[in-house]
C-alpha atoms as a PDB file:
ATOM      1  CA  UNK A   1      63.911  -9.575  14.114  1.00  0.00           C
ATOM      2  CA  UNK A   2      62.583  -7.084  11.778  1.00  0.00           C
ATOM      3  CA  UNK A   3      63.957  -5.843   8.525  1.00  0.00           C
ATOM      4  CA  UNK A   4      62.239  -3.574   5.750  1.00  0.00           C
ATOM      5  CA  UNK A   5      62.787  -4.470   2.405  1.00  0.00           C
ATOM      6  CA  UNK A   6      62.904  -1.134   0.589  1.00  0.00           C
ATOM      7  CA  UNK A   7      61.749  -1.390  -3.246  1.00  0.00           C
ATOM      8  CA  UNK A   8      63.309   0.602  -5.892  1.00  0.00           C
ATOM      9  CA  UNK A   9      61.912   0.798  -9.799  1.00  0.00           C
ATOM     10  CA  UNK A  10      61.349   2.795 -12.731  1.00  0.00           C
ATOM     11  CA  UNK A  11      58.096   3.082 -13.864  1.00  0.00           C
ATOM     12  CA  UNK A  12      58.956   4.011 -17.438  1.00  0.00           C
ATOM     13  CA  UNK A  13      60.572   0.727 -17.803  1.00  0.00           C
ATOM     14  CA  UNK A  14      57.654  -0.720 -16.287  1.00  0.00           C
ATOM     15  CA  UNK A  15      55.632   0.629 -18.737  1.00  0.00           C
ATOM     16  CA  UNK A  16      57.447  -0.210 -21.816  1.00  0.00           C
ATOM     17  CA  UNK A  17      56.697  -3.610 -21.094  1.00  0.00           C
ATOM     18  CA  UNK A  18      53.518  -5.728 -22.675  1.00  0.00           C
ATOM     19  CA  UNK A  19      50.962  -6.621 -20.257  1.00  0.00           C
ATOM     20  CA  UNK A  20      51.987 -10.166 -20.713  1.00  0.00           C
ATOM     21  CA  UNK A  21      55.447  -9.120 -19.059  1.00  0.00           C
ATOM     22  CA  UNK A  22      53.736  -7.535 -16.110  1.00  0.00           C
ATOM     23  CA  UNK A  23      51.269  -9.625 -15.027  1.00  0.00           C
ATOM     24  CA  UNK A  24      54.395 -12.415 -14.932  1.00  0.00           C
ATOM     25  CA  UNK A  25      55.628 -10.014 -12.944  1.00  0.00           C
ATOM     26  CA  UNK A  26      52.839  -9.612 -10.688  1.00  0.00           C
ATOM     27  CA  UNK A  27      52.254 -13.368 -10.618  1.00  0.00           C
ATOM     28  CA  UNK A  28      55.731 -13.780  -8.929  1.00  0.00           C
ATOM     29  CA  UNK A  29      55.094 -11.347  -6.542  1.00  0.00           C
ATOM     30  CA  UNK A  30      51.718 -12.958  -5.664  1.00  0.00           C
ATOM     31  CA  UNK A  31      53.489 -16.110  -5.073  1.00  0.00           C
ATOM     32  CA  UNK A  32      56.100 -14.292  -2.750  1.00  0.00           C
ATOM     33  CA  UNK A  33      53.475 -12.617  -0.873  1.00  0.00           C
ATOM     34  CA  UNK A  34      51.634 -15.837  -0.364  1.00  0.00           C
ATOM     35  CA  UNK A  35      54.832 -17.484   0.952  1.00  0.00           C
ATOM     36  CA  UNK A  36      55.444 -14.956   3.585  1.00  0.00           C
ATOM     37  CA  UNK A  37      51.709 -14.514   4.884  1.00  0.00           C
ATOM     38  CA  UNK A  38      51.763 -18.508   5.125  1.00  0.00           C
ATOM     39  CA  UNK A  39      55.131 -18.312   7.117  1.00  0.00           C
ATOM     40  CA  UNK A  40      54.074 -15.514   8.945  1.00  0.00           C
ATOM     41  CA  UNK A  41      56.974 -13.589   8.426  1.00  0.00           C
ATOM     42  CA  UNK A  42      55.097 -10.721   6.504  1.00  0.00           C
ATOM     43  CA  UNK A  43      54.609  -7.789   8.973  1.00  0.00           C
ATOM     44  CA  UNK A  44      53.178  -4.857   6.491  1.00  0.00           C
ATOM     45  CA  UNK A  45      53.678  -4.004   2.969  1.00  0.00           C
ATOM     46  CA  UNK A  46      52.755  -0.817   1.093  1.00  0.00           C
ATOM     47  CA  UNK A  47      53.280   1.009  -2.702  1.00  0.00           C
ATOM     48  CA  UNK A  48      53.903   4.285  -2.455  1.00  0.00           C
ATOM     49  CA  UNK A  49      52.094   7.128  -4.690  1.00  0.00           C
ATOM     50  CA  UNK A  50      53.822   8.264  -7.780  1.00  0.00           C
ATOM     51  CA  UNK A  51      56.675  10.459  -7.488  1.00  0.00           C
ATOM     52  CA  UNK A  52      55.095  13.386  -8.858  1.00  0.00           C
ATOM     53  CA  UNK A  53      52.936  13.694  -6.038  1.00  0.00           C
ATOM     54  CA  UNK A  54      55.818  13.498  -3.423  1.00  0.00           C
ATOM     55  CA  UNK A  55      57.029  16.284  -1.528  1.00  0.00           C
ATOM     56  CA  UNK A  56      60.372  17.012  -0.117  1.00  0.00           C
ATOM     57  CA  UNK A  57      60.523  18.525   3.036  1.00  0.00           C
ATOM     58  CA  UNK A  58      64.327  20.269   4.520  1.00  0.00           C
ATOM     59  CA  UNK A  59      65.531  22.388   7.372  1.00  0.00           C
ATOM     60  CA  UNK A  60      68.936  24.471   6.885  1.00  0.00           C
ATOM     61  CA  UNK A  61      69.562  27.068   9.696  1.00  0.00           C
ATOM     62  CA  UNK A  62      66.085  26.751  10.933  1.00  0.00           C
ATOM     63  CA  UNK A  63      63.941  27.717   7.597  1.00  0.00           C
ATOM     64  CA  UNK A  64      61.806  24.886   6.522  1.00  0.00           C
ATOM     65  CA  UNK A  65      61.627  24.534   2.382  1.00  0.00           C
ATOM     66  CA  UNK A  66      59.342  22.078   0.787  1.00  0.00           C
ATOM     67  CA  UNK A  67      60.170  21.085  -2.651  1.00  0.00           C
ATOM     68  CA  UNK A  68      57.776  18.776  -5.132  1.00  0.00           C
ATOM     69  CA  UNK A  69      59.218  15.156  -5.679  1.00  0.00           C
ATOM     70  CA  UNK A  70      61.705  13.096  -4.087  1.00  0.00           C
ATOM     71  CA  UNK A  71      65.721  14.104  -4.614  1.00  0.00           C
ATOM     72  CA  UNK A  72      67.114  11.515  -6.500  1.00  0.00           C
ATOM     73  CA  UNK A  73      69.668  11.507  -8.622  1.00  0.00           C
ATOM     74  CA  UNK A  74      68.618   8.812 -11.007  1.00  0.00           C
ATOM     75  CA  UNK A  75      65.744   7.381 -12.234  1.00  0.00           C
ATOM     76  CA  UNK A  76      65.159   4.764  -9.941  1.00  0.00           C
ATOM     77  CA  UNK A  77      62.678   5.844  -6.901  1.00  0.00           C
ATOM     78  CA  UNK A  78      61.846   4.172  -3.782  1.00  0.00           C
ATOM     79  CA  UNK A  79      58.497   2.605  -4.817  1.00  0.00           C
ATOM     80  CA  UNK A  80      57.208   0.719  -1.869  1.00  0.00           C
ATOM     81  CA  UNK A  81      58.371  -1.832   1.328  1.00  0.00           C
ATOM     82  CA  UNK A  82      57.746  -4.575   2.824  1.00  0.00           C
ATOM     83  CA  UNK A  83      58.680  -5.264   6.582  1.00  0.00           C
ATOM     84  CA  UNK A  84      59.322  -8.905   7.554  1.00  0.00           C
ATOM     85  CA  UNK A  85      59.826 -10.871  10.749  1.00  0.00           C
ATOM     86  CA  UNK A  86      63.032 -13.062  10.150  1.00  0.00           C
ATOM     87  CA  UNK A  87      65.376 -15.273  12.119  1.00  0.00           C
ATOM     88  CA  UNK A  88      68.226 -13.944  10.240  1.00  0.00           C
ATOM     89  CA  UNK A  89      69.664 -11.598   8.057  1.00  0.00           C
ATOM     90  CA  UNK A  90      70.437 -13.928   5.316  1.00  0.00           C
ATOM     91  CA  UNK A  91      66.681 -14.638   5.435  1.00  0.00           C
ATOM     92  CA  UNK A  92      65.466 -11.132   4.468  1.00  0.00           C
ATOM     93  CA  UNK A  93      68.194 -10.774   1.914  1.00  0.00           C
ATOM     94  CA  UNK A  94      66.961 -14.123   0.302  1.00  0.00           C
ATOM     95  CA  UNK A  95      63.704 -12.743   0.145  1.00  0.00           C
ATOM     96  CA  UNK A  96      64.836  -9.528  -1.386  1.00  0.00           C
ATOM     97  CA  UNK A  97      66.743 -11.367  -3.781  1.00  0.00           C
ATOM     98  CA  UNK A  98      63.807 -13.229  -4.671  1.00  0.00           C
ATOM     99  CA  UNK A  99      61.514 -10.154  -5.161  1.00  0.00           C
ATOM    100  CA  UNK A 100      61.314  -9.332  -9.012  1.00  0.00           C
ATOM    101  CA  UNK A 101      62.517  -5.535  -8.790  1.00  0.00           C
ATOM    102  CA  UNK A 102      65.932  -6.766  -7.310  1.00  0.00           C
ATOM    103  CA  UNK A 103      66.424  -7.976 -10.642  1.00  0.00           C
ATOM    104  CA  UNK A 104      65.994  -4.687 -12.610  1.00  0.00           C
ATOM    105  CA  UNK A 105      66.478  -1.939 -10.085  1.00  0.00           C
ATOM    106  CA  UNK A 106      67.600  -2.962  -6.204  1.00  0.00           C
ATOM    107  CA  UNK A 107      66.124  -3.803  -3.031  1.00  0.00           C
ATOM    108  CA  UNK A 108      67.567  -2.439   0.199  1.00  0.00           C
ATOM    109  CA  UNK A 109      67.531  -4.423   3.447  1.00  0.00           C
ATOM    110  CA  UNK A 110      67.582  -2.698   6.723  1.00  0.00           C
ATOM    111  CA  UNK A 111      67.352  -4.009  10.138  1.00  0.00           C
ATOM    112  CA  UNK A 112      64.277  -2.016  12.248  1.00  0.00           C
ATOM    113  CA  UNK A 113      65.571  -0.458  15.280  1.00  0.00           C
ATOM    114  CA  UNK A 114      63.605  -1.041  18.556  1.00  0.00           C
ATOM    115  CA  UNK A 115      63.513   2.206  20.511  1.00  0.00           C
ATOM    116  CA  UNK A 116      66.217   1.346  22.570  1.00  0.00           C
ATOM    117  CA  UNK A 117      68.086   1.351  19.445  1.00  0.00           C
ATOM    118  CA  UNK A 118      70.625  -1.723  20.614  1.00  0.00           C
ATOM    119  CA  UNK A 119      70.630  -2.860  16.973  1.00  0.00           C
ATOM    120  CA  UNK A 120      73.104   0.175  16.148  1.00  0.00           C
END
């Protein structure tokens, strides 16, 4: 089963850390990514551009509106994702729990549906 691990973080907090602390966090991410490549569980991953270049599109009563930035009520923003192919949801949760952002912000684990939608 494929799971999308949604990474949430706060850029302002990262920027307040020392270079040494940031490098330690990135080294931890590299360790996890190496493991996932070796086990074949990593399907895809990407970081997202800064929220300042994000656009939000909504359609209300047939009218399309576009606004700057993501619509979030907190300082935490959706920052990137990993897609993993795991045997169990518990394994996906284990991976998310090891991701450094889970300690400071949040990781969301969501099954990726097949075109049939049988997962619902």
